[in-house]
Amino acid sequence: MSWNPALDPHCPTGDQVDAIETVIIPRARDLGGFEVRRALPAPRRQMVGPFIFFDQMGPAEFLPTKGLDVRPHPHIGLATISYLYRGRMHHRDSLGTDAWIEPGAVNWMVAGHGITHSERIDDETQTDPMPFFGIQTWVALPKDHEDRAPEFEHAPVGALPFLEGEGKSVRLILGDAWGERAPVKTASEMFYADAVLEAGAAIPLPDNHEDRGVYVVEGSVTVAGETYEAGRMMVFRPGDKLSLQAGPMGARVMLLGGETLEGSRYIWWNFVASSQERIEEAKEAWRAGDWASGRFQLPPGDDAEFIPLPDR
């Protein structure tokens, strides 16, 4: 669909640049021969809205059937989405889901009380090196959803709202923004969008959400005369009407945010919870390894190995 003319951005000037509350420089993390850049959680910011974890994966190039190979591991208290720009990834989980995550599609896994999944690049039909690039995000669940049953939902790229015009193309991945709503059902109000901007094009931040952030994936953006290059996340003050303008080489950005949750969250390994007690209970359940009748089961078809509980 075309871009709504009523949403034409007005770029801030002067003191409006103070609307940027925090600038986050991601930390590099080695996942065993594969590096990610982690923007959330950060020392000065645990969450942006309900988003509590944000990793840039790649860009990289993997040899056939080599590269990302994450064995089955558990989650509680969150929902995950791996959004790819390039490449593909094999997802299996303890619900019996067996799916390939591909560019532009949404694969929304709600852990709730507990789920186990694996992420691998194991396509034996792949004979050429495969470019790989994407963002992995966790969304913390509200307290009244922490013990819900796990579930998995897929939305193909063609089902997502797509806005374009005036030098920008925007795919709404989750939640609602700019008068549109994505099809996947979320437990709290949020927005998550992939925007590609031509040189000089501008996009307004959604003004119907309390907490808002932007991560620059490629290129650069300018806010009130200040330029932010790729690999930066900016978090903005609530309520200010703001726009981003792409630099001379254009930009690709991820826009994210939503309502803040009722209190902070504990995060340990792959567990997110509103209390330390919930974390400890999940630790003990994974350590027990009762895959037949315990809290966690291994994914069917990928149950020969798993990641043990960290010794920390």
C-alpha atoms as a PDB file:
ATOM      1  CA  MET A   1       0.000   0.000   0.000  1.00  0.00           C
ATOM      2  CA  SER A   2       1.093   3.597  -0.420  1.00  0.00           C
ATOM      3  CA  TRP A   3       2.521   5.738   2.324  1.00  0.00           C
ATOM      4  CA  ASN A   4      -0.151   7.750   4.136  1.00  0.00           C
ATOM      5  CA  PRO A   5       0.376  11.437   3.233  1.00  0.00           C
ATOM      6  CA  ALA A   6      -0.920  12.406   6.677  1.00  0.00           C
ATOM      7  CA  LEU A   7       2.182  10.818   8.163  1.00  0.00           C
ATOM      8  CA  ASP A   8       4.681  13.046   6.377  1.00  0.00           C
ATOM      9  CA  PRO A   9       7.505  13.607   8.863  1.00  0.00           C
ATOM     10  CA  HIS A  10       8.570  16.894  10.376  1.00  0.00           C
ATOM     11  CA  CYS A  11      12.248  16.731  11.255  1.00  0.00           C
ATOM     12  CA  PRO A  12      13.097  18.221  14.651  1.00  0.00           C
ATOM     13  CA  THR A  13      15.450  21.128  15.006  1.00  0.00           C
ATOM     14  CA  GLY A  14      17.476  22.768  17.738  1.00  0.00           C
ATOM     15  CA  ASP A  15      16.887  21.506  21.260  1.00  0.00           C
ATOM     16  CA  GLN A  16      14.643  18.677  20.049  1.00  0.00           C
ATOM     17  CA  VAL A  17      17.757  16.537  19.663  1.00  0.00           C
ATOM     18  CA  ASP A  18      17.598  16.229  23.472  1.00  0.00           C
ATOM     19  CA  ALA A  19      14.696  13.861  22.884  1.00  0.00           C
ATOM     20  CA  ILE A  20      17.349  11.144  22.515  1.00  0.00           C
ATOM     21  CA  GLU A  21      17.541   9.707  26.011  1.00  0.00           C
ATOM     22  CA  THR A  22      20.226   7.063  25.416  1.00  0.00           C
ATOM     23  CA  VAL A  23      22.598   5.991  22.653  1.00  0.00           C
ATOM     24  CA  ILE A  24      23.628   2.330  22.890  1.00  0.00           C
ATOM     25  CA  ILE A  25      26.757   0.946  21.261  1.00  0.00           C
ATOM     26  CA  PRO A  26      26.299  -2.834  20.913  1.00  0.00           C
ATOM     27  CA  ARG A  27      28.820  -5.215  22.452  1.00  0.00           C
ATOM     28  CA  ALA A  28      30.367  -7.973  20.334  1.00  0.00           C
ATOM     29  CA  ARG A  29      29.652 -11.527  21.478  1.00  0.00           C
ATOM     30  CA  ASP A  30      31.294 -14.665  20.085  1.00  0.00           C
ATOM     31  CA  LEU A  31      28.848 -17.557  19.760  1.00  0.00           C
ATOM     32  CA  GLY A  32      31.515 -20.059  18.779  1.00  0.00           C
ATOM     33  CA  GLY A  33      32.932 -18.886  15.471  1.00  0.00           C
ATOM     34  CA  PHE A  34      29.994 -16.571  14.812  1.00  0.00           C
ATOM     35  CA  GLU A  35      29.881 -13.016  16.144  1.00  0.00           C
ATOM     36  CA  VAL A  36      26.795 -11.045  17.107  1.00  0.00           C
ATOM     37  CA  ARG A  37      26.356  -7.435  18.221  1.00  0.00           C
ATOM     38  CA  ARG A  38      24.191  -7.178  21.344  1.00  0.00           C
ATOM     39  CA  ALA A  39      22.344  -3.900  21.910  1.00  0.00           C
ATOM     40  CA  LEU A  40      19.907  -5.088  24.609  1.00  0.00           C
ATOM     41  CA  PRO A  41      20.087  -5.532  27.506  1.00  0.00           C
ATOM     42  CA  ALA A  42      22.579  -2.693  27.987  1.00  0.00           C
ATOM     43  CA  PRO A  43      24.120  -1.209  31.150  1.00  0.00           C
ATOM     44  CA  ARG A  44      21.987   1.928  30.856  1.00  0.00           C
ATOM     45  CA  ARG A  45      18.878   0.303  29.396  1.00  0.00           C
ATOM     46  CA  GLN A  46      17.440  -3.124  30.127  1.00  0.00           C
ATOM     47  CA  MET A  47      14.438  -2.791  27.826  1.00  0.00           C
ATOM     48  CA  VAL A  48      12.840  -0.620  25.153  1.00  0.00           C
ATOM     49  CA  GLY A  49       9.147  -1.125  25.750  1.00  0.00           C
ATOM     50  CA  PRO A  50       8.893  -4.912  26.225  1.00  0.00           C
ATOM     51  CA  PHE A  51      11.979  -5.631  24.058  1.00  0.00           C
ATOM     52  CA  ILE A  52      14.632  -7.051  26.394  1.00  0.00           C
ATOM     53  CA  PHE A  53      17.126  -8.660  24.009  1.00  0.00           C
ATOM     54  CA  PHE A  54      18.376  -7.434  20.635  1.00  0.00           C
ATOM     55  CA  ASP A  55      21.187  -9.102  18.668  1.00  0.00           C
ATOM     56  CA  GLN A  56      22.451  -8.280  15.207  1.00  0.00           C
ATOM     57  CA  MET A  57      23.461 -11.567  13.556  1.00  0.00           C
ATOM     58  CA  GLY A  58      26.049 -11.082  10.813  1.00  0.00           C
ATOM     59  CA  PRO A  59      26.461 -10.121   8.075  1.00  0.00           C
ATOM     60  CA  ALA A  60      28.328 -13.342   7.411  1.00  0.00           C
ATOM     61  CA  GLU A  61      28.743 -15.989   4.757  1.00  0.00           C
ATOM     62  CA  PHE A  62      28.407 -19.652   5.706  1.00  0.00           C
ATOM     63  CA  LEU A  63      29.769 -22.663   3.877  1.00  0.00           C
ATOM     64  CA  PRO A  64      27.159 -25.286   2.941  1.00  0.00           C
ATOM     65  CA  THR A  65      25.527 -26.800   6.094  1.00  0.00           C
ATOM     66  CA  LYS A  66      28.015 -24.871   8.255  1.00  0.00           C
ATOM     67  CA  GLY A  67      27.640 -21.803  10.446  1.00  0.00           C
ATOM     68  CA  LEU A  68      24.874 -21.244  12.963  1.00  0.00           C
ATOM     69  CA  ASP A  69      24.319 -24.452  14.916  1.00  0.00           C
ATOM     70  CA  VAL A  70      22.476 -23.752  18.172  1.00  0.00           C
ATOM     71  CA  ARG A  71      21.526 -26.979  19.950  1.00  0.00           C
ATOM     72  CA  PRO A  72      18.187 -27.350  21.786  1.00  0.00           C
ATOM     73  CA  HIS A  73      17.911 -24.951  24.726  1.00  0.00           C
ATOM     74  CA  PRO A  74      15.091 -23.671  26.962  1.00  0.00           C
ATOM     75  CA  HIS A  75      13.220 -20.375  27.361  1.00  0.00           C
ATOM     76  CA  ILE A  76      10.666 -19.015  29.826  1.00  0.00           C
ATOM     77  CA  GLY A  77       8.828 -15.706  30.233  1.00  0.00           C
ATOM     78  CA  LEU A  78       9.436 -14.314  26.756  1.00  0.00           C
ATOM     79  CA  ALA A  79       8.559 -14.430  23.074  1.00  0.00           C
ATOM     80  CA  THR A  80      11.216 -14.604  20.371  1.00  0.00           C
ATOM     81  CA  ILE A  81      11.480 -13.487  16.781  1.00  0.00           C
ATOM     82  CA  SER A  82      14.388 -14.038  14.400  1.00  0.00           C
ATOM     83  CA  TYR A  83      13.969 -11.646  11.473  1.00  0.00           C
ATOM     84  CA  LEU A  84      16.243 -12.313   8.515  1.00  0.00           C
ATOM     85  CA  TYR A  85      17.430 -10.028   5.733  1.00  0.00           C
ATOM     86  CA  ARG A  86      19.480 -12.730   4.008  1.00  0.00           C
ATOM     87  CA  GLY A  87      19.848 -16.483   4.379  1.00  0.00           C
ATOM     88  CA  ARG A  88      17.636 -19.040   6.130  1.00  0.00           C
ATOM     89  CA  MET A  89      17.592 -20.879   9.426  1.00  0.00           C
ATOM     90  CA  HIS A  90      16.030 -24.164  10.559  1.00  0.00           C
ATOM     91  CA  HIS A  91      13.767 -23.875  13.625  1.00  0.00           C
ATOM     92  CA  ARG A  92      12.522 -26.872  15.617  1.00  0.00           C
ATOM     93  CA  ASP A  93      10.782 -26.677  18.978  1.00  0.00           C
ATOM     94  CA  SER A  94       9.211 -28.857  21.657  1.00  0.00           C
ATOM     95  CA  LEU A  95       5.712 -28.150  20.296  1.00  0.00           C
ATOM     96  CA  GLY A  96       6.697 -30.166  17.230  1.00  0.00           C
ATOM     97  CA  THR A  97       7.233 -27.128  14.997  1.00  0.00           C
ATOM     98  CA  ASP A  98       9.659 -27.808  12.136  1.00  0.00           C
ATOM     99  CA  ALA A  99      10.043 -24.681  10.004  1.00  0.00           C
ATOM    100  CA  TRP A 100      12.540 -22.687   7.987  1.00  0.00           C
ATOM    101  CA  ILE A 101      12.903 -19.032   8.942  1.00  0.00           C
ATOM    102  CA  GLU A 102      13.308 -17.010   5.740  1.00  0.00           C
ATOM    103  CA  PRO A 103      13.808 -13.305   4.918  1.00  0.00           C
ATOM    104  CA  GLY A 104      10.923 -10.976   5.739  1.00  0.00           C
ATOM    105  CA  ALA A 105       8.690 -13.575   7.408  1.00  0.00           C
ATOM    106  CA  VAL A 106       7.626 -13.607  11.057  1.00  0.00           C
ATOM    107  CA  ASN A 107       8.129 -16.672  13.222  1.00  0.00           C
ATOM    108  CA  TRP A 108       6.814 -15.788  16.682  1.00  0.00           C
ATOM    109  CA  MET A 109       7.623 -18.266  19.445  1.00  0.00           C
ATOM    110  CA  VAL A 110       5.988 -17.657  22.818  1.00  0.00           C
ATOM    111  CA  ALA A 111       7.830 -19.479  25.606  1.00  0.00           C
ATOM    112  CA  GLY A 112       5.438 -18.777  28.474  1.00  0.00           C
ATOM    113  CA  HIS A 113       5.900 -21.462  31.155  1.00  0.00           C
ATOM    114  CA  GLY A 114       8.592 -23.177  29.095  1.00  0.00           C
ATOM    115  CA  ILE A 115       9.660 -24.196  25.597  1.00  0.00           C
ATOM    116  CA  THR A 116      12.761 -25.737  24.033  1.00  0.00           C
ATOM    117  CA  HIS A 117      14.026 -25.005  20.527  1.00  0.00           C
ATOM    118  CA  SER A 118      17.033 -25.271  18.234  1.00  0.00           C
ATOM    119  CA  GLU A 119      18.320 -23.028  15.448  1.00  0.00           C
ATOM    120  CA  ARG A 120      20.536 -24.580  12.803  1.00  0.00           C
ATOM    121  CA  ILE A 121      21.779 -24.150   9.271  1.00  0.00           C
ATOM    122  CA  ASP A 122      21.589 -27.778   8.195  1.00  0.00           C
ATOM    123  CA  ASP A 123      20.042 -27.750   4.728  1.00  0.00           C
ATOM    124  CA  GLU A 124      21.832 -30.552   2.901  1.00  0.00           C
ATOM    125  CA  THR A 125      20.572 -29.234  -0.442  1.00  0.00           C
ATOM    126  CA  GLN A 126      22.610 -26.040   0.081  1.00  0.00           C
ATOM    127  CA  THR A 127      25.662 -26.383  -2.180  1.00  0.00           C
ATOM    128  CA  ASP A 128      26.881 -22.788  -2.389  1.00  0.00           C
ATOM    129  CA  PRO A 129      28.059 -20.406   0.340  1.00  0.00           C
ATOM    130  CA  MET A 130      25.059 -18.695   1.933  1.00  0.00           C
ATOM    131  CA  PRO A 131      24.968 -15.031   2.970  1.00  0.00           C
ATOM    132  CA  PHE A 132      23.407 -14.638   6.407  1.00  0.00           C
ATOM    133  CA  PHE A 133      22.178 -11.454   8.083  1.00  0.00           C
ATOM    134  CA  GLY A 134      19.406 -10.719  10.537  1.00  0.00           C
ATOM    135  CA  ILE A 135      18.176  -9.565  13.936  1.00  0.00           C
ATOM    136  CA  GLN A 136      17.149 -11.762  16.844  1.00  0.00           C
ATOM    137  CA  THR A 137      14.876 -10.209  19.452  1.00  0.00           C
ATOM    138  CA  TRP A 138      13.242 -11.294  22.696  1.00  0.00           C
ATOM    139  CA  VAL A 139      10.108  -9.647  24.062  1.00  0.00           C
ATOM    140  CA  ALA A 140       9.432  -9.978  27.801  1.00  0.00           C
ATOM    141  CA  LEU A 141       5.917 -11.152  28.627  1.00  0.00           C
ATOM    142  CA  PRO A 142       3.595  -9.332  31.059  1.00  0.00           C
ATOM    143  CA  LYS A 143       3.253 -10.986  34.471  1.00  0.00           C
ATOM    144  CA  ASP A 144      -0.163 -12.445  33.662  1.00  0.00           C
ATOM    145  CA  HIS A 145       1.324 -14.221  30.612  1.00  0.00           C
ATOM    146  CA  GLU A 146       4.481 -15.655  32.182  1.00  0.00           C
ATOM    147  CA  ASP A 147       2.855 -19.018  32.930  1.00  0.00           C
ATOM    148  CA  ARG A 148       0.842 -19.308  29.716  1.00  0.00           C
ATOM    149  CA  ALA A 149       1.191 -22.348  27.497  1.00  0.00           C
ATOM    150  CA  PRO A 150       3.879 -22.029  24.811  1.00  0.00           C
ATOM    151  CA  GLU A 151       2.902 -21.488  21.188  1.00  0.00           C
ATOM    152  CA  PHE A 152       4.353 -20.791  17.750  1.00  0.00           C
ATOM    153  CA  GLU A 153       2.860 -18.590  15.035  1.00  0.00           C
ATOM    154  CA  HIS A 154       4.076 -17.995  11.479  1.00  0.00           C
ATOM    155  CA  ALA A 155       3.174 -15.029   9.253  1.00  0.00           C
ATOM    156  CA  PRO A 156       4.554 -15.046   5.687  1.00  0.00           C
ATOM    157  CA  VAL A 157       6.106 -11.903   4.289  1.00  0.00           C
ATOM    158  CA  GLY A 158       3.040 -11.240   2.125  1.00  0.00           C
ATOM    159  CA  ALA A 159       0.765 -11.077   5.178  1.00  0.00           C
ATOM    160  CA  LEU A 160       2.628  -8.177   6.808  1.00  0.00           C
ATOM    161  CA  PRO A 161       1.554  -4.542   6.287  1.00  0.00           C
ATOM    162  CA  PHE A 162       3.898  -2.866   3.788  1.00  0.00           C
ATOM    163  CA  LEU A 163       4.021   0.917   3.368  1.00  0.00           C
ATOM    164  CA  GLU A 164       6.000   2.593   0.626  1.00  0.00           C
ATOM    165  CA  GLY A 165       6.417   5.960  -1.013  1.00  0.00           C
ATOM    166  CA  GLU A 166       8.500   9.125  -0.805  1.00  0.00           C
ATOM    167  CA  GLY A 167      11.751   7.185  -0.732  1.00  0.00           C
ATOM    168  CA  LYS A 168      10.861   4.747   2.036  1.00  0.00           C
ATOM    169  CA  SER A 169       9.548   1.210   2.315  1.00  0.00           C
ATOM    170  CA  VAL A 170       8.418  -0.076   5.707  1.00  0.00           C
ATOM    171  CA  ARG A 171       7.347  -3.576   6.735  1.00  0.00           C
ATOM    172  CA  LEU A 172       5.457  -3.758  10.036  1.00  0.00           C
ATOM    173  CA  ILE A 173       6.606  -6.957  11.746  1.00  0.00           C
ATOM    174  CA  LEU A 174       4.774  -6.807  15.084  1.00  0.00           C
ATOM    175  CA  GLY A 175       2.172  -4.628  16.756  1.00  0.00           C
ATOM    176  CA  ASP A 176       0.674  -1.408  15.448  1.00  0.00           C
ATOM    177  CA  ALA A 177       2.117   1.805  13.982  1.00  0.00           C
ATOM    178  CA  TRP A 178       1.295   4.414  11.312  1.00  0.00           C
ATOM    179  CA  GLY A 179      -2.338   3.303  11.260  1.00  0.00           C
ATOM    180  CA  GLU A 180      -1.544  -0.349  10.475  1.00  0.00           C
ATOM    181  CA  ARG A 181      -1.477  -3.533  12.570  1.00  0.00           C
ATOM    182  CA  ALA A 182       0.581  -6.677  12.002  1.00  0.00           C
ATOM    183  CA  PRO A 183      -1.279 -10.015  12.055  1.00  0.00           C
ATOM    184  CA  VAL A 184       0.618 -11.818  14.848  1.00  0.00           C
ATOM    185  CA  LYS A 185      -1.123 -11.537  18.221  1.00  0.00           C
ATOM    186  CA  THR A 186       1.086 -10.098  20.985  1.00  0.00           C
ATOM    187  CA  ALA A 187       0.564 -10.067  24.752  1.00  0.00           C
ATOM    188  CA  SER A 188       1.190  -6.319  25.131  1.00  0.00           C
ATOM    189  CA  GLU A 189       1.102  -3.206  22.963  1.00  0.00           C
ATOM    190  CA  MET A 190       4.257  -2.808  20.864  1.00  0.00           C
ATOM    191  CA  PHE A 191       5.637  -2.030  17.452  1.00  0.00           C
ATOM    192  CA  TYR A 192       8.504  -3.523  15.481  1.00  0.00           C
ATOM    193  CA  ALA A 193       9.269  -2.487  11.906  1.00  0.00           C
ATOM    194  CA  ASP A 194      11.894  -2.864   9.191  1.00  0.00           C
ATOM    195  CA  ALA A 195      12.402   0.366   7.218  1.00  0.00           C
ATOM    196  CA  VAL A 196      14.574   0.953   4.155  1.00  0.00           C
ATOM    197  CA  LEU A 197      15.184   4.632   3.360  1.00  0.00           C
ATOM    198  CA  GLU A 198      16.644   6.172   0.248  1.00  0.00           C
ATOM    199  CA  ALA A 199      19.197   8.974   0.638  1.00  0.00           C
ATOM    200  CA  GLY A 200      17.513  11.958   2.314  1.00  0.00           C
ATOM    201  CA  ALA A 201      14.210  10.168   2.945  1.00  0.00           C
ATOM    202  CA  ALA A 202      12.621  10.684   6.357  1.00  0.00           C
ATOM    203  CA  ILE A 203      10.334   8.610   8.548  1.00  0.00           C
ATOM    204  CA  PRO A 204       8.398   9.670  11.660  1.00  0.00           C
ATOM    205  CA  LEU A 205       8.563   7.659  14.846  1.00  0.00           C
ATOM    206  CA  PRO A 206       5.154   6.270  15.843  1.00  0.00           C
ATOM    207  CA  ASP A 207       3.624   8.645  18.376  1.00  0.00           C
ATOM    208  CA  ASN A 208       1.099   6.196  19.844  1.00  0.00           C
ATOM    209  CA  HIS A 209       3.626   4.282  21.965  1.00  0.00           C
ATOM    210  CA  GLU A 210       5.217   5.149  25.294  1.00  0.00           C
ATOM    211  CA  ASP A 211       8.741   3.820  24.649  1.00  0.00           C
ATOM    212  CA  ARG A 212      10.519   4.057  21.281  1.00  0.00           C
ATOM    213  CA  GLY A 213      13.912   3.120  19.915  1.00  0.00           C
ATOM    214  CA  VAL A 214      15.693   2.819  16.577  1.00  0.00           C
ATOM    215  CA  TYR A 215      18.587   0.581  15.585  1.00  0.00           C
ATOM    216  CA  VAL A 216      20.640   1.552  12.524  1.00  0.00           C
ATOM    217  CA  VAL A 217      21.374  -1.615  10.557  1.00  0.00           C
ATOM    218  CA  GLU A 218      22.981  -0.083   7.479  1.00  0.00           C
ATOM    219  CA  GLY A 219      23.901   3.421   6.345  1.00  0.00           C
ATOM    220  CA  SER A 220      23.266   6.364   8.671  1.00  0.00           C
ATOM    221  CA  VAL A 221      20.467   8.576   9.956  1.00  0.00           C
ATOM    222  CA  THR A 222      20.299  12.162  11.162  1.00  0.00           C
ATOM    223  CA  VAL A 223      18.229  13.530  14.036  1.00  0.00           C
ATOM    224  CA  ALA A 224      18.336  17.329  14.446  1.00  0.00           C
ATOM    225  CA  GLY A 225      21.749  17.642  12.843  1.00  0.00           C
ATOM    226  CA  GLU A 226      23.330  14.708  14.725  1.00  0.00           C
ATOM    227  CA  THR A 227      24.358  11.702  12.639  1.00  0.00           C
ATOM    228  CA  TYR A 228      24.242   8.104  13.844  1.00  0.00           C
ATOM    229  CA  GLU A 229      26.035   5.387  11.889  1.00  0.00           C
ATOM    230  CA  ALA A 230      25.241   1.689  11.521  1.00  0.00           C
ATOM    231  CA  GLY A 231      25.533  -0.262  14.749  1.00  0.00           C
ATOM    232  CA  ARG A 232      23.894   2.318  17.006  1.00  0.00           C
ATOM    233  CA  MET A 233      20.624   2.151  18.919  1.00  0.00           C
ATOM    234  CA  MET A 234      18.929   5.372  19.963  1.00  0.00           C
ATOM    235  CA  VAL A 235      16.234   5.409  22.658  1.00  0.00           C
ATOM    236  CA  PHE A 236      13.930   8.437  22.698  1.00  0.00           C
ATOM    237  CA  ARG A 237      12.033  10.310  25.366  1.00  0.00           C
ATOM    238  CA  PRO A 238       8.296   9.530  25.475  1.00  0.00           C
ATOM    239  CA  GLY A 239       5.881  11.859  23.767  1.00  0.00           C
ATOM    240  CA  ASP A 240       8.183  13.870  21.487  1.00  0.00           C
ATOM    241  CA  LYS A 241       7.242  14.010  17.811  1.00  0.00           C
ATOM    242  CA  LEU A 242      10.407  13.023  15.964  1.00  0.00           C
ATOM    243  CA  SER A 243      11.616  11.911  12.573  1.00  0.00           C
ATOM    244  CA  LEU A 244      14.737  10.219  11.246  1.00  0.00           C
ATOM    245  CA  GLN A 245      16.351  11.240   7.977  1.00  0.00           C
ATOM    246  CA  ALA A 246      18.591   8.905   5.997  1.00  0.00           C
ATOM    247  CA  GLY A 247      22.149   9.946   5.191  1.00  0.00           C
ATOM    248  CA  PRO A 248      23.707  10.285   1.713  1.00  0.00           C
ATOM    249  CA  MET A 249      23.989   6.506   1.263  1.00  0.00           C
ATOM    250  CA  GLY A 250      20.482   5.771   2.516  1.00  0.00           C
ATOM    251  CA  ALA A 251      19.723   3.630   5.571  1.00  0.00           C
ATOM    252  CA  ARG A 252      18.066   0.510   6.865  1.00  0.00           C
ATOM    253  CA  VAL A 253      16.690   0.745  10.394  1.00  0.00           C
ATOM    254  CA  MET A 254      14.667  -1.322  12.822  1.00  0.00           C
ATOM    255  CA  LEU A 255      12.098   0.670  14.805  1.00  0.00           C
ATOM    256  CA  LEU A 256      10.880  -0.840  18.070  1.00  0.00           C
ATOM    257  CA  GLY A 257       9.092  -0.071  21.307  1.00  0.00           C
ATOM    258  CA  GLY A 258       5.752  -0.147  23.055  1.00  0.00           C
ATOM    259  CA  GLU A 259       4.271   0.051  26.515  1.00  0.00           C
ATOM    260  CA  THR A 260       6.626  -0.525  29.423  1.00  0.00           C
ATOM    261  CA  LEU A 261       5.980  -3.566  31.604  1.00  0.00           C
ATOM    262  CA  GLU A 262       4.978  -3.598  35.249  1.00  0.00           C
ATOM    263  CA  GLY A 263       8.466  -3.535  36.737  1.00  0.00           C
ATOM    264  CA  SER A 264      11.906  -4.680  35.618  1.00  0.00           C
ATOM    265  CA  ARG A 265      12.782  -8.245  34.644  1.00  0.00           C
ATOM    266  CA  TYR A 266      15.423 -10.733  35.730  1.00  0.00           C
ATOM    267  CA  ILE A 267      17.353 -12.201  32.822  1.00  0.00           C
ATOM    268  CA  TRP A 268      19.706 -15.166  33.191  1.00  0.00           C
ATOM    269  CA  TRP A 269      20.940 -17.273  30.269  1.00  0.00           C
ATOM    270  CA  ASN A 270      17.784 -17.928  28.198  1.00  0.00           C
ATOM    271  CA  PHE A 271      15.333 -17.220  31.001  1.00  0.00           C
ATOM    272  CA  VAL A 272      13.362 -14.002  31.569  1.00  0.00           C
ATOM    273  CA  ALA A 273      11.127 -13.591  34.618  1.00  0.00           C
ATOM    274  CA  SER A 274       9.563 -11.089  37.004  1.00  0.00           C
ATOM    275  CA  SER A 275      11.189 -12.806  39.983  1.00  0.00           C
ATOM    276  CA  GLN A 276      14.429 -14.570  40.803  1.00  0.00           C
ATOM    277  CA  GLU A 277      12.419 -17.509  42.148  1.00  0.00           C
ATOM    278  CA  ARG A 278      11.020 -18.197  38.677  1.00  0.00           C
ATOM    279  CA  ILE A 279      14.550 -18.238  37.273  1.00  0.00           C
ATOM    280  CA  GLU A 280      15.707 -20.717  39.928  1.00  0.00           C
ATOM    281  CA  GLU A 281      12.731 -23.007  39.260  1.00  0.00           C
ATOM    282  CA  ALA A 282      13.533 -23.049  35.537  1.00  0.00           C
ATOM    283  CA  LYS A 283      17.195 -23.809  36.254  1.00  0.00           C
ATOM    284  CA  GLU A 284      16.267 -26.819  38.346  1.00  0.00           C
ATOM    285  CA  ALA A 285      13.805 -28.095  35.740  1.00  0.00           C
ATOM    286  CA  TRP A 286      16.403 -27.931  32.944  1.00  0.00           C
ATOM    287  CA  ARG A 287      19.088 -29.452  35.166  1.00  0.00           C
ATOM    288  CA  ALA A 288      16.759 -32.378  36.026  1.00  0.00           C
ATOM    289  CA  GLY A 289      16.563 -33.364  32.353  1.00  0.00           C
ATOM    290  CA  ASP A 290      13.188 -35.106  32.628  1.00  0.00           C
ATOM    291  CA  TRP A 291      12.385 -34.877  28.929  1.00  0.00           C
ATOM    292  CA  ALA A 292       9.480 -37.331  29.106  1.00  0.00           C
ATOM    293  CA  SER A 293       7.298 -35.723  31.780  1.00  0.00           C
ATOM    294  CA  GLY A 294       9.172 -32.689  33.126  1.00  0.00           C
ATOM    295  CA  ARG A 295       8.692 -28.979  32.482  1.00  0.00           C
ATOM    296  CA  PHE A 296      10.882 -29.055  29.362  1.00  0.00           C
ATOM    297  CA  GLN A 297      10.898 -31.514  26.448  1.00  0.00           C
ATOM    298  CA  LEU A 298      13.355 -31.670  23.553  1.00  0.00           C
ATOM    299  CA  PRO A 299      12.249 -30.871  19.990  1.00  0.00           C
ATOM    300  CA  PRO A 300      11.048 -33.927  18.074  1.00  0.00           C
ATOM    301  CA  GLY A 301      13.571 -34.705  15.359  1.00  0.00           C
ATOM    302  CA  ASP A 302      16.327 -32.815  17.191  1.00  0.00           C
ATOM    303  CA  ASP A 303      16.530 -34.556  20.536  1.00  0.00           C
ATOM    304  CA  ALA A 304      19.961 -36.215  20.385  1.00  0.00           C
ATOM    305  CA  GLU A 305      21.752 -33.354  22.149  1.00  0.00           C
ATOM    306  CA  PHE A 306      21.101 -30.162  24.092  1.00  0.00           C
ATOM    307  CA  ILE A 307      22.909 -27.225  25.676  1.00  0.00           C
ATOM    308  CA  PRO A 308      23.619 -27.954  29.354  1.00  0.00           C
ATOM    309  CA  LEU A 309      22.897 -25.428  32.094  1.00  0.00           C
ATOM    310  CA  PRO A 310      25.796 -22.951  32.333  1.00  0.00           C
ATOM    311  CA  ASP A 311      28.048 -23.324  35.339  1.00  0.00           C
ATOM    312  CA  ARG A 312      27.515 -19.809  36.642  1.00  0.00           C
END
